[in-house]
């Protein structure tokens, strides 16, 4: 977390937001598949930058969305809501400049605010919606931590725990767990 927060940075960040951009692919069999991407838009809605965050949502494996007809947009909605909340809307509060600076406490604050936010119809989010948000965001950070060795080499060892267990067939299998500070 940054100790010094620049007022100019705060002003600039208010002009941007993360969003989901959906690209429609049409195949010879006249079927259309939609591929979502997380993008950064300016105050006019113009895409400023395509991000690589969609690679860490957990729906893309080897550049293929699995299964081909699956809808990754729902998971991306939770992740871009978290990105907007932590990196842009609450920059003055947290001083976070990069997703690698996000801590467990900051995520807890986001999840609590997400759950307590009053919807337009006067109700609150369902337990299932909050659980999906938590699952999607934590999965994002898990995949980000596992796949970003070159970027996050020093932090990778401290954020992943390995647990070995025996499979039904008697083989050993490694499972990785995300550990926040």
C-alpha atoms as a PDB file:
ATOM      1  CA  UNK A   1       0.000   0.000   0.000  1.00  0.00           C
ATOM      2  CA  UNK A   2       1.255   3.457  -0.832  1.00  0.00           C
ATOM      3  CA  UNK A   3       1.971   5.827   2.035  1.00  0.00           C
ATOM      4  CA  UNK A   4       1.574   8.993  -0.020  1.00  0.00           C
ATOM      5  CA  UNK A   5      -1.586   9.464  -2.052  1.00  0.00           C
ATOM      6  CA  UNK A   6      -1.424  12.054  -4.803  1.00  0.00           C
ATOM      7  CA  UNK A   7      -4.608  14.154  -5.183  1.00  0.00           C
ATOM      8  CA  UNK A   8      -4.066  14.309  -8.949  1.00  0.00           C
ATOM      9  CA  UNK A   9      -4.091  10.491  -9.085  1.00  0.00           C
ATOM     10  CA  UNK A  10      -7.403  10.465  -7.206  1.00  0.00           C
ATOM     11  CA  UNK A  11      -8.947  12.928  -9.666  1.00  0.00           C
ATOM     12  CA  UNK A  12      -7.713  11.001 -12.697  1.00  0.00           C
ATOM     13  CA  UNK A  13      -8.962   7.675 -11.328  1.00  0.00           C
ATOM     14  CA  UNK A  14     -12.506   9.043 -10.992  1.00  0.00           C
ATOM     15  CA  UNK A  15     -12.634   9.396 -14.787  1.00  0.00           C
ATOM     16  CA  UNK A  16     -12.064   5.679 -15.442  1.00  0.00           C
ATOM     17  CA  UNK A  17     -13.791   2.405 -14.699  1.00  0.00           C
ATOM     18  CA  UNK A  18     -13.324  -1.272 -15.437  1.00  0.00           C
ATOM     19  CA  UNK A  19     -16.039  -2.954 -17.467  1.00  0.00           C
ATOM     20  CA  UNK A  20     -16.753  -6.130 -19.407  1.00  0.00           C
ATOM     21  CA  UNK A  21     -16.498  -5.951 -23.184  1.00  0.00           C
ATOM     22  CA  UNK A  22     -18.131  -8.832 -25.039  1.00  0.00           C
ATOM     23  CA  UNK A  23     -16.851  -9.806 -28.460  1.00  0.00           C
ATOM     24  CA  UNK A  24     -19.220 -11.869 -30.585  1.00  0.00           C
ATOM     25  CA  UNK A  25     -17.707 -14.658 -32.677  1.00  0.00           C
ATOM     26  CA  UNK A  26     -19.701 -16.237 -35.481  1.00  0.00           C
ATOM     27  CA  UNK A  27     -18.807 -19.647 -36.845  1.00  0.00           C
ATOM     28  CA  UNK A  28     -19.614 -21.328 -40.164  1.00  0.00           C
ATOM     29  CA  UNK A  29     -22.453 -23.281 -38.556  1.00  0.00           C
ATOM     30  CA  UNK A  30     -24.189 -19.926 -37.860  1.00  0.00           C
ATOM     31  CA  UNK A  31     -23.656 -20.219 -34.118  1.00  0.00           C
ATOM     32  CA  UNK A  32     -22.528 -17.176 -32.210  1.00  0.00           C
ATOM     33  CA  UNK A  33     -20.261 -17.385 -29.192  1.00  0.00           C
ATOM     34  CA  UNK A  34     -19.539 -14.465 -26.923  1.00  0.00           C
ATOM     35  CA  UNK A  35     -16.078 -13.918 -25.464  1.00  0.00           C
ATOM     36  CA  UNK A  36     -15.913 -11.434 -22.572  1.00  0.00           C
ATOM     37  CA  UNK A  37     -12.847  -9.324 -21.731  1.00  0.00           C
ATOM     38  CA  UNK A  38     -12.175  -6.905 -18.879  1.00  0.00           C
ATOM     39  CA  UNK A  39     -11.369  -3.458 -20.258  1.00  0.00           C
ATOM     40  CA  UNK A  40     -10.646  -0.013 -18.859  1.00  0.00           C
ATOM     41  CA  UNK A  41     -13.020   2.698 -20.093  1.00  0.00           C
ATOM     42  CA  UNK A  42     -12.860   6.477 -19.773  1.00  0.00           C
ATOM     43  CA  UNK A  43     -15.686   8.764 -18.602  1.00  0.00           C
ATOM     44  CA  UNK A  44     -17.196   8.701 -22.110  1.00  0.00           C
ATOM     45  CA  UNK A  45     -17.350   4.891 -22.246  1.00  0.00           C
ATOM     46  CA  UNK A  46     -14.505   4.622 -24.764  1.00  0.00           C
ATOM     47  CA  UNK A  47     -12.210   1.618 -24.256  1.00  0.00           C
ATOM     48  CA  UNK A  48      -8.805   2.934 -23.227  1.00  0.00           C
ATOM     49  CA  UNK A  49      -7.110  -0.402 -22.660  1.00  0.00           C
ATOM     50  CA  UNK A  50      -7.808  -4.114 -22.884  1.00  0.00           C
ATOM     51  CA  UNK A  51      -6.483  -5.804 -19.751  1.00  0.00           C
ATOM     52  CA  UNK A  52      -5.255  -9.361 -19.252  1.00  0.00           C
ATOM     53  CA  UNK A  53      -7.443  -9.857 -16.177  1.00  0.00           C
ATOM     54  CA  UNK A  54      -9.774 -12.180 -18.078  1.00  0.00           C
ATOM     55  CA  UNK A  55      -6.909 -14.708 -18.111  1.00  0.00           C
ATOM     56  CA  UNK A  56      -7.132 -14.987 -14.317  1.00  0.00           C
ATOM     57  CA  UNK A  57     -10.874 -15.439 -13.913  1.00  0.00           C
ATOM     58  CA  UNK A  58     -10.588 -19.209 -14.122  1.00  0.00           C
ATOM     59  CA  UNK A  59     -12.732 -19.752 -17.195  1.00  0.00           C
ATOM     60  CA  UNK A  60      -9.953 -19.692 -19.781  1.00  0.00           C
ATOM     61  CA  UNK A  61      -7.569 -22.621 -20.027  1.00  0.00           C
ATOM     62  CA  UNK A  62      -4.999 -22.606 -22.798  1.00  0.00           C
ATOM     63  CA  UNK A  63      -6.692 -19.635 -24.516  1.00  0.00           C
ATOM     64  CA  UNK A  64      -9.958 -21.583 -24.763  1.00  0.00           C
ATOM     65  CA  UNK A  65     -13.060 -20.894 -22.711  1.00  0.00           C
ATOM     66  CA  UNK A  66     -14.158 -24.159 -21.203  1.00  0.00           C
ATOM     67  CA  UNK A  67     -16.745 -25.222 -22.291  1.00  0.00           C
ATOM     68  CA  UNK A  68     -16.996 -23.222 -25.490  1.00  0.00           C
ATOM     69  CA  UNK A  69     -20.587 -22.116 -24.827  1.00  0.00           C
ATOM     70  CA  UNK A  70     -20.028 -21.220 -21.161  1.00  0.00           C
ATOM     71  CA  UNK A  71     -20.718 -17.691 -19.997  1.00  0.00           C
ATOM     72  CA  UNK A  72     -17.736 -16.133 -18.251  1.00  0.00           C
ATOM     73  CA  UNK A  73     -19.409 -12.730 -17.934  1.00  0.00           C
ATOM     74  CA  UNK A  74     -20.902 -13.426 -14.498  1.00  0.00           C
ATOM     75  CA  UNK A  75     -17.529 -14.148 -12.891  1.00  0.00           C
ATOM     76  CA  UNK A  76     -16.048 -11.137 -14.644  1.00  0.00           C
ATOM     77  CA  UNK A  77     -18.772  -8.865 -13.282  1.00  0.00           C
ATOM     78  CA  UNK A  78     -17.702  -9.672  -9.726  1.00  0.00           C
ATOM     79  CA  UNK A  79     -14.010  -9.196 -10.515  1.00  0.00           C
ATOM     80  CA  UNK A  80     -14.426  -5.882 -12.309  1.00  0.00           C
ATOM     81  CA  UNK A  81     -16.669  -4.661  -9.469  1.00  0.00           C
ATOM     82  CA  UNK A  82     -13.820  -5.464  -7.068  1.00  0.00           C
ATOM     83  CA  UNK A  83     -11.251  -3.767  -9.329  1.00  0.00           C
ATOM     84  CA  UNK A  84     -13.380  -0.624  -9.571  1.00  0.00           C
ATOM     85  CA  UNK A  85     -14.013  -0.574  -5.817  1.00  0.00           C
ATOM     86  CA  UNK A  86     -10.403  -1.079  -4.679  1.00  0.00           C
ATOM     87  CA  UNK A  87      -8.270   0.465  -7.435  1.00  0.00           C
ATOM     88  CA  UNK A  88     -10.462   3.377  -8.569  1.00  0.00           C
ATOM     89  CA  UNK A  89     -13.435   4.308  -6.361  1.00  0.00           C
ATOM     90  CA  UNK A  90     -11.627   3.905  -3.023  1.00  0.00           C
ATOM     91  CA  UNK A  91      -8.114   4.838  -4.073  1.00  0.00           C
ATOM     92  CA  UNK A  92      -7.978   7.588  -1.428  1.00  0.00           C
ATOM     93  CA  UNK A  93      -8.940   5.074   1.250  1.00  0.00           C
ATOM     94  CA  UNK A  94      -6.644   2.183   0.323  1.00  0.00           C
ATOM     95  CA  UNK A  95      -3.901   3.743  -1.826  1.00  0.00           C
ATOM     96  CA  UNK A  96      -3.688   0.589  -3.945  1.00  0.00           C
ATOM     97  CA  UNK A  97      -1.893   1.033  -7.280  1.00  0.00           C
ATOM     98  CA  UNK A  98      -1.730  -2.607  -8.388  1.00  0.00           C
ATOM     99  CA  UNK A  99      -3.713  -5.779  -7.754  1.00  0.00           C
ATOM    100  CA  UNK A 100      -0.632  -7.356  -6.153  1.00  0.00           C
ATOM    101  CA  UNK A 101      -0.920  -4.846  -3.297  1.00  0.00           C
ATOM    102  CA  UNK A 102      -4.422  -6.018  -2.285  1.00  0.00           C
ATOM    103  CA  UNK A 103      -4.541  -7.614   1.173  1.00  0.00           C
ATOM    104  CA  UNK A 104      -7.014  -9.869   2.929  1.00  0.00           C
ATOM    105  CA  UNK A 105      -8.328  -6.953   5.023  1.00  0.00           C
ATOM    106  CA  UNK A 106      -9.057  -4.869   1.928  1.00  0.00           C
ATOM    107  CA  UNK A 107     -10.908  -7.788   0.329  1.00  0.00           C
ATOM    108  CA  UNK A 108     -12.921  -8.292   3.523  1.00  0.00           C
ATOM    109  CA  UNK A 109     -13.971  -4.639   3.405  1.00  0.00           C
ATOM    110  CA  UNK A 110     -14.988  -5.025  -0.247  1.00  0.00           C
ATOM    111  CA  UNK A 111     -17.017  -8.196   0.485  1.00  0.00           C
ATOM    112  CA  UNK A 112     -18.762  -6.552   3.444  1.00  0.00           C
ATOM    113  CA  UNK A 113     -19.646  -3.455   1.436  1.00  0.00           C
ATOM    114  CA  UNK A 114     -20.792  -5.624  -1.475  1.00  0.00           C
ATOM    115  CA  UNK A 115     -23.084  -7.611   0.830  1.00  0.00           C
ATOM    116  CA  UNK A 116     -24.445  -4.515   2.621  1.00  0.00           C
ATOM    117  CA  UNK A 117     -25.084  -2.455  -0.516  1.00  0.00           C
ATOM    118  CA  UNK A 118     -28.766  -1.637  -0.935  1.00  0.00           C
ATOM    119  CA  UNK A 119     -30.119  -2.505  -4.382  1.00  0.00           C
ATOM    120  CA  UNK A 120     -32.400  -0.232  -6.427  1.00  0.00           C
ATOM    121  CA  UNK A 121     -35.483  -2.227  -5.336  1.00  0.00           C
ATOM    122  CA  UNK A 122     -34.697  -1.585  -1.634  1.00  0.00           C
ATOM    123  CA  UNK A 123     -33.460  -5.102  -0.854  1.00  0.00           C
ATOM    124  CA  UNK A 124     -29.987  -6.460  -0.262  1.00  0.00           C
ATOM    125  CA  UNK A 125     -27.987  -9.018  -2.196  1.00  0.00           C
ATOM    126  CA  UNK A 126     -28.803 -12.659  -1.557  1.00  0.00           C
ATOM    127  CA  UNK A 127     -26.418 -14.936   0.321  1.00  0.00           C
ATOM    128  CA  UNK A 128     -25.885 -16.888  -2.893  1.00  0.00           C
ATOM    129  CA  UNK A 129     -24.865 -13.744  -4.797  1.00  0.00           C
ATOM    130  CA  UNK A 130     -22.373 -12.759  -2.093  1.00  0.00           C
ATOM    131  CA  UNK A 131     -20.918 -16.291  -2.044  1.00  0.00           C
ATOM    132  CA  UNK A 132     -20.514 -16.251  -5.843  1.00  0.00           C
ATOM    133  CA  UNK A 133     -18.736 -12.906  -5.584  1.00  0.00           C
ATOM    134  CA  UNK A 134     -16.352 -14.230  -2.924  1.00  0.00           C
ATOM    135  CA  UNK A 135     -15.701 -17.416  -4.901  1.00  0.00           C
ATOM    136  CA  UNK A 136     -15.014 -15.492  -8.137  1.00  0.00           C
ATOM    137  CA  UNK A 137     -12.749 -12.841  -6.589  1.00  0.00           C
ATOM    138  CA  UNK A 138     -10.713 -15.271  -4.475  1.00  0.00           C
ATOM    139  CA  UNK A 139     -10.411 -17.569  -7.509  1.00  0.00           C
ATOM    140  CA  UNK A 140      -9.143 -14.600  -9.504  1.00  0.00           C
ATOM    141  CA  UNK A 141      -6.423 -13.877  -6.951  1.00  0.00           C
ATOM    142  CA  UNK A 142      -5.511 -17.558  -6.677  1.00  0.00           C
ATOM    143  CA  UNK A 143      -5.050 -17.882 -10.426  1.00  0.00           C
ATOM    144  CA  UNK A 144      -3.250 -14.528 -10.602  1.00  0.00           C
ATOM    145  CA  UNK A 145      -0.813 -15.639  -7.916  1.00  0.00           C
ATOM    146  CA  UNK A 146      -0.177 -19.065  -9.483  1.00  0.00           C
ATOM    147  CA  UNK A 147       0.285 -17.832 -13.059  1.00  0.00           C
ATOM    148  CA  UNK A 148       2.302 -14.677 -12.437  1.00  0.00           C
ATOM    149  CA  UNK A 149       5.641 -16.112 -11.367  1.00  0.00           C
ATOM    150  CA  UNK A 150       7.699 -13.684 -13.404  1.00  0.00           C
ATOM    151  CA  UNK A 151       5.790 -10.649 -12.124  1.00  0.00           C
ATOM    152  CA  UNK A 152       5.272 -11.735  -8.534  1.00  0.00           C
ATOM    153  CA  UNK A 153       8.152 -14.136  -7.900  1.00  0.00           C
ATOM    154  CA  UNK A 154       8.962 -12.982  -4.375  1.00  0.00           C
ATOM    155  CA  UNK A 155       5.349 -12.912  -3.192  1.00  0.00           C
ATOM    156  CA  UNK A 156       4.310 -16.167  -4.853  1.00  0.00           C
ATOM    157  CA  UNK A 157       5.992 -18.382  -2.273  1.00  0.00           C
ATOM    158  CA  UNK A 158       4.298 -16.560   0.577  1.00  0.00           C
ATOM    159  CA  UNK A 159       0.801 -16.587  -0.927  1.00  0.00           C
ATOM    160  CA  UNK A 160       0.451 -20.253  -1.912  1.00  0.00           C
ATOM    161  CA  UNK A 161       0.258 -23.246   0.393  1.00  0.00           C
ATOM    162  CA  UNK A 162       0.630 -26.757  -0.975  1.00  0.00           C
ATOM    163  CA  UNK A 163      -1.314 -29.698   0.390  1.00  0.00           C
ATOM    164  CA  UNK A 164      -0.758 -33.248  -0.839  1.00  0.00           C
ATOM    165  CA  UNK A 165      -3.518 -35.827  -0.644  1.00  0.00           C
ATOM    166  CA  UNK A 166      -4.112 -39.379  -1.816  1.00  0.00           C
ATOM    167  CA  UNK A 167      -6.585 -39.961  -4.634  1.00  0.00           C
ATOM    168  CA  UNK A 168      -9.108 -42.805  -4.739  1.00  0.00           C
ATOM    169  CA  UNK A 169      -6.791 -44.734  -7.052  1.00  0.00           C
ATOM    170  CA  UNK A 170      -3.917 -44.422  -4.570  1.00  0.00           C
ATOM    171  CA  UNK A 171      -1.948 -41.730  -6.395  1.00  0.00           C
ATOM    172  CA  UNK A 172      -0.709 -38.475  -4.927  1.00  0.00           C
ATOM    173  CA  UNK A 173      -2.211 -35.180  -5.973  1.00  0.00           C
ATOM    174  CA  UNK A 174      -1.034 -31.660  -5.192  1.00  0.00           C
ATOM    175  CA  UNK A 175      -3.600 -28.978  -4.375  1.00  0.00           C
ATOM    176  CA  UNK A 176      -2.676 -25.298  -4.112  1.00  0.00           C
ATOM    177  CA  UNK A 177      -4.376 -22.929  -1.673  1.00  0.00           C
ATOM    178  CA  UNK A 178      -4.240 -19.151  -1.646  1.00  0.00           C
ATOM    179  CA  UNK A 179      -3.040 -17.522   1.575  1.00  0.00           C
ATOM    180  CA  UNK A 180      -3.492 -13.774   2.069  1.00  0.00           C
ATOM    181  CA  UNK A 181      -1.392 -11.659   4.417  1.00  0.00           C
END
